[in-house]
C-alpha atoms as a PDB file:
ATOM      1  CA  MET A   1      -1.820 -44.770 -38.827  1.00  0.00           C
ATOM      2  CA  LYS A   2      -4.674 -43.464 -36.682  1.00  0.00           C
ATOM      3  CA  LYS A   3      -2.477 -43.576 -33.562  1.00  0.00           C
ATOM      4  CA  LEU A   4       0.300 -41.778 -35.445  1.00  0.00           C
ATOM      5  CA  LEU A   5      -2.058 -39.015 -36.563  1.00  0.00           C
ATOM      6  CA  CYS A   6      -3.379 -38.604 -33.007  1.00  0.00           C
ATOM      7  CA  ALA A   7       0.171 -38.417 -31.684  1.00  0.00           C
ATOM      8  CA  LEU A   8       1.124 -35.838 -34.311  1.00  0.00           C
ATOM      9  CA  GLY A   9      -2.005 -33.823 -33.490  1.00  0.00           C
ATOM     10  CA  ALA A  10      -1.215 -33.872 -29.795  1.00  0.00           C
ATOM     11  CA  THR A  11       2.372 -32.800 -30.498  1.00  0.00           C
ATOM     12  CA  MET A  12       1.214 -29.916 -32.696  1.00  0.00           C
ATOM     13  CA  THR A  13      -1.285 -28.790 -30.052  1.00  0.00           C
ATOM     14  CA  LEU A  14       1.394 -28.904 -27.368  1.00  0.00           C
ATOM     15  CA  THR A  15       3.854 -27.030 -29.584  1.00  0.00           C
ATOM     16  CA  THR A  16       1.251 -24.365 -30.344  1.00  0.00           C
ATOM     17  CA  ALA A  17       0.374 -23.984 -26.676  1.00  0.00           C
ATOM     18  CA  MET A  18       4.032 -23.752 -25.706  1.00  0.00           C
ATOM     19  CA  ALA A  19       4.708 -21.088 -28.367  1.00  0.00           C
ATOM     20  CA  TRP A  20       2.929 -18.453 -26.299  1.00  0.00           C
ATOM     21  CA  PRO A  21       4.356 -16.169 -25.161  1.00  0.00           C
ATOM     22  CA  ASP A  22       7.172 -16.086 -27.683  1.00  0.00           C
ATOM     23  CA  LYS A  23       7.851 -12.401 -27.134  1.00  0.00           C
ATOM     24  CA  THR A  24       7.150  -9.787 -24.470  1.00  0.00           C
ATOM     25  CA  VAL A  25       3.542  -9.534 -23.321  1.00  0.00           C
ATOM     26  CA  THR A  26       2.558  -5.903 -22.823  1.00  0.00           C
ATOM     27  CA  ILE A  27      -0.125  -5.185 -20.223  1.00  0.00           C
ATOM     28  CA  VAL A  28      -1.525  -1.778 -21.193  1.00  0.00           C
ATOM     29  CA  VAL A  29      -2.881   0.354 -18.339  1.00  0.00           C
ATOM     30  CA  PRO A  30      -4.626   3.474 -19.707  1.00  0.00           C
ATOM     31  CA  PHE A  31      -3.872   5.616 -16.644  1.00  0.00           C
ATOM     32  CA  PRO A  32      -0.766   6.962 -14.894  1.00  0.00           C
ATOM     33  CA  PRO A  33       1.138   4.792 -12.386  1.00  0.00           C
ATOM     34  CA  GLY A  34      -0.033   4.650  -8.800  1.00  0.00           C
ATOM     35  CA  GLY A  35      -3.802   4.350  -9.123  1.00  0.00           C
ATOM     36  CA  SER A  36      -6.110   1.432  -8.438  1.00  0.00           C
ATOM     37  CA  THR A  37      -5.973   0.088 -11.994  1.00  0.00           C
ATOM     38  CA  ASP A  38      -2.182   0.238 -12.041  1.00  0.00           C
ATOM     39  CA  LEU A  39      -2.126  -1.604  -8.710  1.00  0.00           C
ATOM     40  CA  ILE A  40      -4.210  -4.468 -10.104  1.00  0.00           C
ATOM     41  CA  ALA A  41      -2.073  -4.717 -13.248  1.00  0.00           C
ATOM     42  CA  ARG A  42       1.136  -4.809 -11.209  1.00  0.00           C
ATOM     43  CA  THR A  43      -0.371  -7.399  -8.892  1.00  0.00           C
ATOM     44  CA  LEU A  44      -1.188  -9.662 -11.827  1.00  0.00           C
ATOM     45  CA  GLN A  45       2.008  -9.108 -13.837  1.00  0.00           C
ATOM     46  CA  PRO A  46       4.431 -11.228 -11.764  1.00  0.00           C
ATOM     47  CA  LYS A  47       1.858 -13.990 -11.279  1.00  0.00           C
ATOM     48  CA  LEU A  48       1.177 -14.229 -15.026  1.00  0.00           C
ATOM     49  CA  GLN A  49       4.892 -14.232 -15.751  1.00  0.00           C
ATOM     50  CA  GLU A  50       5.410 -16.974 -13.182  1.00  0.00           C
ATOM     51  CA  LYS A  51       2.570 -19.025 -14.650  1.00  0.00           C
ATOM     52  CA  PHE A  52       3.341 -18.701 -18.343  1.00  0.00           C
ATOM     53  CA  GLY A  53       7.031 -17.829 -18.473  1.00  0.00           C
ATOM     54  CA  GLY A  54       8.381 -15.228 -20.847  1.00  0.00           C
ATOM     55  CA  THR A  55       8.327 -11.527 -20.012  1.00  0.00           C
ATOM     56  CA  PHE A  56       5.237  -9.543 -18.991  1.00  0.00           C
ATOM     57  CA  VAL A  57       5.564  -5.750 -18.676  1.00  0.00           C
ATOM     58  CA  VAL A  58       3.103  -3.051 -17.597  1.00  0.00           C
ATOM     59  CA  GLU A  59       2.900  -0.055 -19.929  1.00  0.00           C
ATOM     60  CA  ASN A  60       1.071   3.046 -18.683  1.00  0.00           C
ATOM     61  CA  LYS A  61      -0.539   4.666 -21.711  1.00  0.00           C
ATOM     62  CA  ALA A  62      -2.510   7.514 -20.133  1.00  0.00           C
ATOM     63  CA  GLY A  63      -4.651  10.165 -21.810  1.00  0.00           C
ATOM     64  CA  ALA A  64      -8.191  11.067 -22.856  1.00  0.00           C
ATOM     65  CA  THR A  65      -9.804   9.392 -19.813  1.00  0.00           C
ATOM     66  CA  GLY A  66      -8.195   6.076 -20.667  1.00  0.00           C
ATOM     67  CA  THR A  67      -9.343   5.884 -24.270  1.00  0.00           C
ATOM     68  CA  ILE A  68      -5.876   6.314 -25.841  1.00  0.00           C
ATOM     69  CA  GLY A  69      -4.690   3.111 -24.209  1.00  0.00           C
ATOM     70  CA  ALA A  70      -7.935   1.358 -25.088  1.00  0.00           C
ATOM     71  CA  ALA A  71      -7.571   2.291 -28.749  1.00  0.00           C
ATOM     72  CA  GLN A  72      -3.985   1.013 -28.789  1.00  0.00           C
ATOM     73  CA  VAL A  73      -5.135  -2.375 -27.536  1.00  0.00           C
ATOM     74  CA  ALA A  74      -8.058  -2.537 -29.967  1.00  0.00           C
ATOM     75  CA  ARG A  75      -5.624  -2.039 -32.873  1.00  0.00           C
ATOM     76  CA  SER A  76      -3.182  -4.718 -31.643  1.00  0.00           C
ATOM     77  CA  ALA A  77      -2.828  -8.253 -32.957  1.00  0.00           C
ATOM     78  CA  PRO A  78      -5.046 -10.729 -31.035  1.00  0.00           C
ATOM     79  CA  ASP A  79      -2.133 -13.073 -30.399  1.00  0.00           C
ATOM     80  CA  GLY A  80      -2.062 -12.703 -26.612  1.00  0.00           C
ATOM     81  CA  HIS A  81       0.950 -10.408 -26.553  1.00  0.00           C
ATOM     82  CA  THR A  82      -1.121  -7.310 -25.761  1.00  0.00           C
ATOM     83  CA  LEU A  83      -3.475  -7.287 -22.785  1.00  0.00           C
ATOM     84  CA  PHE A  84      -5.585  -4.475 -21.353  1.00  0.00           C
ATOM     85  CA  VAL A  85      -6.169  -3.817 -17.653  1.00  0.00           C
ATOM     86  CA  SER A  86      -8.605  -0.965 -17.151  1.00  0.00           C
ATOM     87  CA  SER A  87     -11.312   0.378 -14.890  1.00  0.00           C
ATOM     88  CA  LEU A  88     -14.861   0.671 -16.174  1.00  0.00           C
ATOM     89  CA  GLY A  89     -14.418   4.118 -17.768  1.00  0.00           C
ATOM     90  CA  PRO A  90     -12.967   3.180 -21.178  1.00  0.00           C
ATOM     91  CA  TYR A  91     -15.124   0.046 -21.306  1.00  0.00           C
ATOM     92  CA  VAL A  92     -18.602   1.397 -20.538  1.00  0.00           C
ATOM     93  CA  ILE A  93     -18.632   5.158 -19.805  1.00  0.00           C
ATOM     94  CA  ALA A  94     -16.288   7.111 -22.093  1.00  0.00           C
ATOM     95  CA  PRO A  95     -17.890   5.835 -25.323  1.00  0.00           C
ATOM     96  CA  HIS A  96     -21.084   7.669 -24.328  1.00  0.00           C
ATOM     97  CA  LEU A  97     -19.343  10.929 -23.444  1.00  0.00           C
ATOM     98  CA  ILE A  98     -16.590  11.502 -25.981  1.00  0.00           C
ATOM     99  CA  LYS A  99     -15.691  10.400 -29.485  1.00  0.00           C
ATOM    100  CA  VAL A 100     -13.551   7.268 -29.208  1.00  0.00           C
ATOM    101  CA  SER A 101     -11.654   5.452 -31.943  1.00  0.00           C
ATOM    102  CA  TYR A 102     -12.772   1.967 -30.950  1.00  0.00           C
ATOM    103  CA  ASP A 103     -15.996   0.013 -30.500  1.00  0.00           C
ATOM    104  CA  ALA A 104     -16.151  -1.092 -26.869  1.00  0.00           C
ATOM    105  CA  LEU A 105     -18.660  -3.838 -27.639  1.00  0.00           C
ATOM    106  CA  LYS A 106     -16.987  -5.291 -30.717  1.00  0.00           C
ATOM    107  CA  GLU A 107     -13.225  -4.706 -30.621  1.00  0.00           C
ATOM    108  CA  PHE A 108     -12.210  -6.451 -27.405  1.00  0.00           C
ATOM    109  CA  ASP A 109     -12.202  -9.986 -26.125  1.00  0.00           C
ATOM    110  CA  TYR A 110     -13.289  -9.893 -22.506  1.00  0.00           C
ATOM    111  CA  ILE A 111     -11.232 -12.154 -20.261  1.00  0.00           C
ATOM    112  CA  SER A 112     -12.138 -11.387 -16.642  1.00  0.00           C
ATOM    113  CA  VAL A 113     -13.471  -8.725 -14.305  1.00  0.00           C
ATOM    114  CA  ALA A 114     -10.689  -8.973 -11.753  1.00  0.00           C
ATOM    115  CA  VAL A 115     -11.964  -6.936  -8.789  1.00  0.00           C
ATOM    116  CA  GLN A 116     -14.669  -4.502  -7.841  1.00  0.00           C
ATOM    117  CA  ALA A 117     -15.107  -1.865  -5.142  1.00  0.00           C
ATOM    118  CA  PRO A 118     -18.237   0.041  -4.108  1.00  0.00           C
ATOM    119  CA  ASN A 119     -18.606   3.766  -3.585  1.00  0.00           C
ATOM    120  CA  VAL A 120     -19.381   5.303  -0.218  1.00  0.00           C
ATOM    121  CA  LEU A 121     -21.341   8.480   0.437  1.00  0.00           C
ATOM    122  CA  VAL A 122     -19.088  10.467   2.758  1.00  0.00           C
ATOM    123  CA  VAL A 123     -19.443  13.826   4.463  1.00  0.00           C
ATOM    124  CA  PRO A 124     -16.884  15.782   6.515  1.00  0.00           C
ATOM    125  CA  ALA A 125     -16.704  14.890  10.195  1.00  0.00           C
ATOM    126  CA  ALA A 126     -18.081  18.354  11.028  1.00  0.00           C
ATOM    127  CA  SER A 127     -21.153  17.869   8.813  1.00  0.00           C
ATOM    128  CA  PRO A 128     -24.565  18.164  10.486  1.00  0.00           C
ATOM    129  CA  HIS A 129     -25.672  15.091   8.536  1.00  0.00           C
ATOM    130  CA  LYS A 130     -25.296  12.035  10.749  1.00  0.00           C
ATOM    131  CA  SER A 131     -27.259   9.570   8.584  1.00  0.00           C
ATOM    132  CA  MET A 132     -28.833   9.110   5.168  1.00  0.00           C
ATOM    133  CA  ALA A 133     -32.147  10.075   6.728  1.00  0.00           C
ATOM    134  CA  ASP A 134     -30.609  13.470   7.534  1.00  0.00           C
ATOM    135  CA  VAL A 135     -29.343  13.854   3.969  1.00  0.00           C
ATOM    136  CA  LEU A 136     -32.670  12.935   2.390  1.00  0.00           C
ATOM    137  CA  ALA A 137     -34.607  15.234   4.719  1.00  0.00           C
ATOM    138  CA  PHE A 138     -32.254  18.104   3.937  1.00  0.00           C
ATOM    139  CA  GLN A 139     -32.431  17.512   0.192  1.00  0.00           C
ATOM    140  CA  LYS A 140     -36.210  17.367   0.161  1.00  0.00           C
ATOM    141  CA  ALA A 141     -36.453  20.557   2.212  1.00  0.00           C
ATOM    142  CA  ASN A 142     -33.682  22.281   0.237  1.00  0.00           C
ATOM    143  CA  PRO A 143     -33.748  21.070  -3.383  1.00  0.00           C
ATOM    144  CA  GLY A 144     -30.565  21.697  -5.322  1.00  0.00           C
ATOM    145  CA  LYS A 145     -28.612  22.986  -2.329  1.00  0.00           C
ATOM    146  CA  MET A 146     -26.390  20.139  -1.157  1.00  0.00           C
ATOM    147  CA  THR A 147     -23.077  19.878  -3.009  1.00  0.00           C
ATOM    148  CA  PHE A 148     -21.742  16.543  -4.269  1.00  0.00           C
ATOM    149  CA  ALA A 149     -18.099  16.565  -5.341  1.00  0.00           C
ATOM    150  CA  SER A 150     -16.695  14.203  -7.942  1.00  0.00           C
ATOM    151  CA  SER A 151     -13.392  13.519  -9.686  1.00  0.00           C
ATOM    152  CA  GLY A 152     -14.848  14.781 -12.978  1.00  0.00           C
ATOM    153  CA  ASN A 153     -17.858  14.811 -15.268  1.00  0.00           C
ATOM    154  CA  GLY A 154     -18.799  11.259 -16.183  1.00  0.00           C
ATOM    155  CA  SER A 155     -16.661   9.698 -13.455  1.00  0.00           C
ATOM    156  CA  SER A 156     -17.999   6.830 -11.363  1.00  0.00           C
ATOM    157  CA  ASP A 157     -18.571   9.111  -8.362  1.00  0.00           C
ATOM    158  CA  HIS A 158     -20.457  11.605 -10.529  1.00  0.00           C
ATOM    159  CA  LEU A 159     -22.641   8.943 -12.154  1.00  0.00           C
ATOM    160  CA  THR A 160     -23.393   7.444  -8.740  1.00  0.00           C
ATOM    161  CA  ALA A 161     -24.680  10.816  -7.545  1.00  0.00           C
ATOM    162  CA  GLU A 162     -26.806  11.199 -10.670  1.00  0.00           C
ATOM    163  CA  LEU A 163     -28.238   7.701 -10.185  1.00  0.00           C
ATOM    164  CA  TYR A 164     -28.939   8.446  -6.520  1.00  0.00           C
ATOM    165  CA  TRP A 165     -30.761  11.672  -7.382  1.00  0.00           C
ATOM    166  CA  GLN A 166     -32.754   9.873 -10.053  1.00  0.00           C
ATOM    167  CA  GLN A 167     -33.787   7.031  -7.752  1.00  0.00           C
ATOM    168  CA  THR A 168     -34.734   9.322  -4.840  1.00  0.00           C
ATOM    169  CA  GLY A 169     -36.334  12.146  -6.815  1.00  0.00           C
ATOM    170  CA  THR A 170     -33.925  14.610  -5.226  1.00  0.00           C
ATOM    171  CA  SER A 171     -31.368  17.009  -6.645  1.00  0.00           C
ATOM    172  CA  GLY A 172     -27.997  18.382  -5.672  1.00  0.00           C
ATOM    173  CA  VAL A 173     -25.188  20.510  -6.989  1.00  0.00           C
ATOM    174  CA  HIS A 174     -22.526  18.538  -8.823  1.00  0.00           C
ATOM    175  CA  VAL A 175     -19.041  19.964  -8.243  1.00  0.00           C
ATOM    176  CA  PRO A 176     -16.570  18.316 -10.661  1.00  0.00           C
ATOM    177  CA  TYR A 177     -12.827  18.355  -9.971  1.00  0.00           C
ATOM    178  CA  LYS A 178      -9.797  17.254 -11.978  1.00  0.00           C
ATOM    179  CA  GLY A 179      -9.217  14.007 -10.106  1.00  0.00           C
ATOM    180  CA  GLY A 180      -9.840  12.587  -6.644  1.00  0.00           C
ATOM    181  CA  GLY A 181      -7.062  14.444  -4.822  1.00  0.00           C
ATOM    182  CA  PRO A 182      -8.721  17.883  -4.950  1.00  0.00           C
ATOM    183  CA  VAL A 183     -12.045  16.313  -3.950  1.00  0.00           C
ATOM    184  CA  MET A 184     -10.490  14.941  -0.781  1.00  0.00           C
ATOM    185  CA  THR A 185      -8.800  18.248   0.011  1.00  0.00           C
ATOM    186  CA  ASP A 186     -12.031  20.222  -0.222  1.00  0.00           C
ATOM    187  CA  LEU A 187     -14.059  17.587   1.618  1.00  0.00           C
ATOM    188  CA  LEU A 188     -11.627  17.666   4.535  1.00  0.00           C
ATOM    189  CA  GLY A 189     -11.695  21.460   4.385  1.00  0.00           C
ATOM    190  CA  ASN A 190     -15.522  21.544   4.503  1.00  0.00           C
ATOM    191  CA  GLN A 191     -15.636  23.304   1.123  1.00  0.00           C
ATOM    192  CA  VAL A 192     -18.089  20.739  -0.264  1.00  0.00           C
ATOM    193  CA  ASP A 193     -20.852  18.814   1.485  1.00  0.00           C
ATOM    194  CA  SER A 194     -20.405  15.248   0.266  1.00  0.00           C
ATOM    195  CA  SER A 195     -19.076  12.799  -2.294  1.00  0.00           C
ATOM    196  CA  PHE A 196     -19.835   9.274  -3.470  1.00  0.00           C
ATOM    197  CA  MET A 197     -16.168   8.385  -3.101  1.00  0.00           C
ATOM    198  CA  ASN A 198     -14.597   5.060  -3.948  1.00  0.00           C
ATOM    199  CA  ILE A 199     -14.116   3.011  -0.797  1.00  0.00           C
ATOM    200  CA  ASN A 200     -10.394   2.522  -1.538  1.00  0.00           C
ATOM    201  CA  THR A 201      -9.857   6.279  -1.445  1.00  0.00           C
ATOM    202  CA  ALA A 202     -12.187   7.059   1.420  1.00  0.00           C
ATOM    203  CA  MET A 203     -11.218   4.391   3.965  1.00  0.00           C
ATOM    204  CA  PRO A 204      -8.061   6.029   5.426  1.00  0.00           C
ATOM    205  CA  GLN A 205      -9.939   9.230   6.219  1.00  0.00           C
ATOM    206  CA  ILE A 206     -12.981   7.349   7.524  1.00  0.00           C
ATOM    207  CA  VAL A 207     -10.739   5.347   9.855  1.00  0.00           C
ATOM    208  CA  ALA A 208      -9.009   8.578  10.924  1.00  0.00           C
ATOM    209  CA  GLY A 209     -12.372  10.071  11.833  1.00  0.00           C
ATOM    210  CA  LYS A 210     -12.088  12.898   9.303  1.00  0.00           C
ATOM    211  CA  LEU A 211     -14.889  11.643   7.066  1.00  0.00           C
ATOM    212  CA  ARG A 212     -18.218  10.090   8.038  1.00  0.00           C
ATOM    213  CA  ALA A 213     -19.596   7.248   5.885  1.00  0.00           C
ATOM    214  CA  LEU A 214     -23.386   7.360   5.560  1.00  0.00           C
ATOM    215  CA  SER A 215     -24.175   4.673   2.993  1.00  0.00           C
ATOM    216  CA  ILE A 216     -22.513   2.283   0.575  1.00  0.00           C
ATOM    217  CA  THR A 217     -23.420   1.317  -2.985  1.00  0.00           C
ATOM    218  CA  SER A 218     -22.640  -2.412  -2.697  1.00  0.00           C
ATOM    219  CA  ALA A 219     -25.220  -5.200  -2.739  1.00  0.00           C
ATOM    220  CA  GLN A 220     -24.281  -6.175   0.825  1.00  0.00           C
ATOM    221  CA  ARG A 221     -22.571  -4.291   3.622  1.00  0.00           C
ATOM    222  CA  SER A 222     -18.801  -4.115   3.379  1.00  0.00           C
ATOM    223  CA  PRO A 223     -16.752  -5.981   5.998  1.00  0.00           C
ATOM    224  CA  LEU A 224     -14.653  -2.816   6.196  1.00  0.00           C
ATOM    225  CA  LEU A 225     -17.726  -0.765   7.163  1.00  0.00           C
ATOM    226  CA  PRO A 226     -20.126  -3.218   8.814  1.00  0.00           C
ATOM    227  CA  ASN A 227     -22.183  -0.465  10.436  1.00  0.00           C
ATOM    228  CA  VAL A 228     -22.772   1.460   7.231  1.00  0.00           C
ATOM    229  CA  PRO A 229     -26.049   0.528   5.485  1.00  0.00           C
ATOM    230  CA  THR A 230     -26.391  -0.080   1.768  1.00  0.00           C
ATOM    231  CA  LEU A 231     -28.592   2.190  -0.331  1.00  0.00           C
ATOM    232  CA  ASP A 232     -30.776  -0.824  -1.026  1.00  0.00           C
ATOM    233  CA  GLU A 233     -31.338  -1.363   2.715  1.00  0.00           C
ATOM    234  CA  LEU A 234     -32.524   2.218   2.927  1.00  0.00           C
ATOM    235  CA  GLY A 235     -35.124   1.628   0.230  1.00  0.00           C
ATOM    236  CA  ILE A 236     -33.129   3.237  -2.587  1.00  0.00           C
ATOM    237  CA  LYS A 237     -33.410   0.554  -5.256  1.00  0.00           C
ATOM    238  CA  ASP A 238     -31.329  -0.173  -8.375  1.00  0.00           C
ATOM    239  CA  ALA A 239     -28.500   2.035  -7.143  1.00  0.00           C
ATOM    240  CA  ASN A 240     -25.818  -0.610  -6.639  1.00  0.00           C
ATOM    241  CA  VAL A 241     -22.626   0.777  -8.154  1.00  0.00           C
ATOM    242  CA  TYR A 242     -19.141  -0.686  -8.277  1.00  0.00           C
ATOM    243  CA  SER A 243     -15.950   0.616  -9.724  1.00  0.00           C
ATOM    244  CA  TRP A 244     -14.212  -2.349 -11.319  1.00  0.00           C
ATOM    245  CA  GLN A 245     -10.931  -3.319 -12.911  1.00  0.00           C
ATOM    246  CA  ALA A 246     -10.897  -5.904 -15.681  1.00  0.00           C
ATOM    247  CA  VAL A 247      -8.643  -7.688 -18.151  1.00  0.00           C
ATOM    248  CA  ALA A 248      -9.319  -7.818 -21.883  1.00  0.00           C
ATOM    249  CA  GLY A 249      -7.448  -8.209 -25.148  1.00  0.00           C
ATOM    250  CA  PRO A 250      -7.925  -7.375 -28.815  1.00  0.00           C
ATOM    251  CA  LYS A 251     -10.832  -9.097 -30.535  1.00  0.00           C
ATOM    252  CA  GLY A 252      -9.942 -12.458 -32.046  1.00  0.00           C
ATOM    253  CA  MET A 253      -7.967 -14.149 -29.286  1.00  0.00           C
ATOM    254  CA  SER A 254      -8.250 -17.932 -29.155  1.00  0.00           C
ATOM    255  CA  ALA A 255     -10.808 -19.359 -26.755  1.00  0.00           C
ATOM    256  CA  ASP A 256      -8.136 -21.611 -25.257  1.00  0.00           C
ATOM    257  CA  LEU A 257      -5.827 -18.701 -24.485  1.00  0.00           C
ATOM    258  CA  LYS A 258      -8.665 -16.751 -22.901  1.00  0.00           C
ATOM    259  CA  ARG A 259      -9.503 -19.730 -20.698  1.00  0.00           C
ATOM    260  CA  GLN A 260      -5.863 -20.093 -19.662  1.00  0.00           C
ATOM    261  CA  LEU A 261      -5.564 -16.408 -18.847  1.00  0.00           C
ATOM    262  CA  HIS A 262      -8.797 -16.430 -16.867  1.00  0.00           C
ATOM    263  CA  ALA A 263      -7.641 -19.402 -14.807  1.00  0.00           C
ATOM    264  CA  ALA A 264      -4.310 -17.703 -14.087  1.00  0.00           C
ATOM    265  CA  ILE A 265      -6.020 -14.434 -13.112  1.00  0.00           C
ATOM    266  CA  ARG A 266      -8.471 -16.291 -10.859  1.00  0.00           C
ATOM    267  CA  ASP A 267      -5.668 -18.184  -9.131  1.00  0.00           C
ATOM    268  CA  ALA A 268      -3.535 -15.055  -8.715  1.00  0.00           C
ATOM    269  CA  LEU A 269      -6.312 -12.985  -7.143  1.00  0.00           C
ATOM    270  CA  ASN A 270      -7.267 -15.796  -4.782  1.00  0.00           C
ATOM    271  CA  ASP A 271      -3.672 -16.417  -3.726  1.00  0.00           C
ATOM    272  CA  PRO A 272      -3.580 -16.381   0.126  1.00  0.00           C
ATOM    273  CA  ALA A 273      -0.739 -13.858  -0.077  1.00  0.00           C
ATOM    274  CA  ILE A 274      -2.738 -11.496  -2.313  1.00  0.00           C
ATOM    275  CA  LYS A 275      -6.482 -11.735  -1.622  1.00  0.00           C
ATOM    276  CA  PRO A 276      -6.371 -10.513   2.015  1.00  0.00           C
ATOM    277  CA  LYS A 277      -4.336  -7.475   0.960  1.00  0.00           C
ATOM    278  CA  LEU A 278      -6.896  -6.618  -1.706  1.00  0.00           C
ATOM    279  CA  LEU A 279      -9.736  -6.968   0.800  1.00  0.00           C
ATOM    280  CA  GLU A 280      -7.929  -4.710   3.254  1.00  0.00           C
ATOM    281  CA  VAL A 281      -8.141  -1.808   0.816  1.00  0.00           C
ATOM    282  CA  GLY A 282     -11.721  -2.501  -0.268  1.00  0.00           C
ATOM    283  CA  PHE A 283     -11.325  -4.675  -3.363  1.00  0.00           C
ATOM    284  CA  GLU A 284     -13.684  -7.632  -3.697  1.00  0.00           C
ATOM    285  CA  VAL A 285     -12.269 -10.400  -5.896  1.00  0.00           C
ATOM    286  CA  VAL A 286     -14.591 -11.198  -8.819  1.00  0.00           C
ATOM    287  CA  ALA A 287     -12.445 -13.199 -11.297  1.00  0.00           C
ATOM    288  CA  SER A 288     -15.388 -13.705 -13.668  1.00  0.00           C
ATOM    289  CA  THR A 289     -15.128 -15.995 -16.681  1.00  0.00           C
ATOM    290  CA  PRO A 290     -14.845 -14.621 -20.237  1.00  0.00           C
ATOM    291  CA  GLU A 291     -18.509 -15.485 -20.809  1.00  0.00           C
ATOM    292  CA  GLN A 292     -19.602 -13.747 -17.604  1.00  0.00           C
ATOM    293  CA  PHE A 293     -17.513 -10.674 -18.380  1.00  0.00           C
ATOM    294  CA  THR A 294     -18.907 -10.440 -21.915  1.00  0.00           C
ATOM    295  CA  ALA A 295     -22.492 -10.430 -20.596  1.00  0.00           C
ATOM    296  CA  PHE A 296     -21.589  -8.009 -17.792  1.00  0.00           C
ATOM    297  CA  GLN A 297     -19.883  -5.636 -20.230  1.00  0.00           C
ATOM    298  CA  ALA A 298     -22.997  -5.455 -22.394  1.00  0.00           C
ATOM    299  CA  ALA A 299     -25.253  -4.844 -19.376  1.00  0.00           C
ATOM    300  CA  GLU A 300     -22.988  -2.143 -17.877  1.00  0.00           C
ATOM    301  CA  PHE A 301     -22.609  -0.465 -21.284  1.00  0.00           C
ATOM    302  CA  ALA A 302     -26.385  -0.223 -21.669  1.00  0.00           C
ATOM    303  CA  ARG A 303     -26.931   0.848 -18.044  1.00  0.00           C
ATOM    304  CA  TRP A 304     -24.563   3.819 -18.153  1.00  0.00           C
ATOM    305  CA  GLN A 305     -25.606   4.793 -21.664  1.00  0.00           C
ATOM    306  CA  LYS A 306     -29.211   5.078 -20.482  1.00  0.00           C
ATOM    307  CA  LEU A 307     -28.277   7.146 -17.417  1.00  0.00           C
ATOM    308  CA  ILE A 308     -25.948   9.470 -19.326  1.00  0.00           C
ATOM    309  CA  GLN A 309     -28.563  10.124 -21.974  1.00  0.00           C
ATOM    310  CA  SER A 310     -31.497  10.510 -19.564  1.00  0.00           C
ATOM    311  CA  ARG A 311     -29.561  12.899 -17.301  1.00  0.00           C
ATOM    312  CA  ASN A 312     -27.991  14.763 -20.243  1.00  0.00           C
ATOM    313  CA  ILE A 313     -24.495  14.294 -18.829  1.00  0.00           C
ATOM    314  CA  LYS A 314     -21.663  15.860 -20.804  1.00  0.00           C
ATOM    315  CA  ALA A 315     -17.895  15.389 -20.692  1.00  0.00           C
ATOM    316  CA  ASP A 316     -15.605  18.066 -19.240  1.00  0.00           C
END
């Protein structure tokens, strides 16, 4: 009888495991197609479909700085048929800037931080600033004069500038734009002095010699920019900043499903056909566990909340 019960239990477990996915799995991306987050989602989609079978589709649900898509996921059934691939904004920044209809700490199950990418302080090639020492000297001699462009109030590039000013006791003029495209246009046109631009966006123009990279916000130097020092190397502490893309689901997913998804995400990102391509454009593979992501989410949430409140940062 005991053997029979064990066999029945094993069969039921196998049947339950095999039942997912039993309908289309929707991967919600809270931004328009074509950006970094969309790229990561569309990189993972075929690998997850190959691993688990069934149909996985990417749905771009843009609006309200990513919070419309986030709210949709938070309201979904935690059965594994709705996943969320987003950058850090809806997870740890937007809740401190605008009214959102979800609780970022309580209404998601965190599966894995997939990738991360640092920001780079860039200036136009014609800029007189050749190093961070030049920038700091200029800022100290001319408080509130140097312009720092960003893709919008509360964006990663804006918050990096605020953190940098806080840690160095300097000040600058924040120039917010509606997205990264106009920032690049005005940087190349020498209309603004600098920007803490994401490395993915900045690299083509750095390689082309149209932008000069002065420092990077990563913990170690980037293999893409081995001659560019980190802020930490320059004595500017606690200013490591990464933009990151991560996978989550509605709160209440089974621990087993989260483990399976994490393993599949980890294997996909480390695939020899995928990882080098991610590195080429500045993405570092993280593939953290659900437990690591949960702790990281809480720490990032508190970090940006403190900065936003202390610097009195407001949304557009």
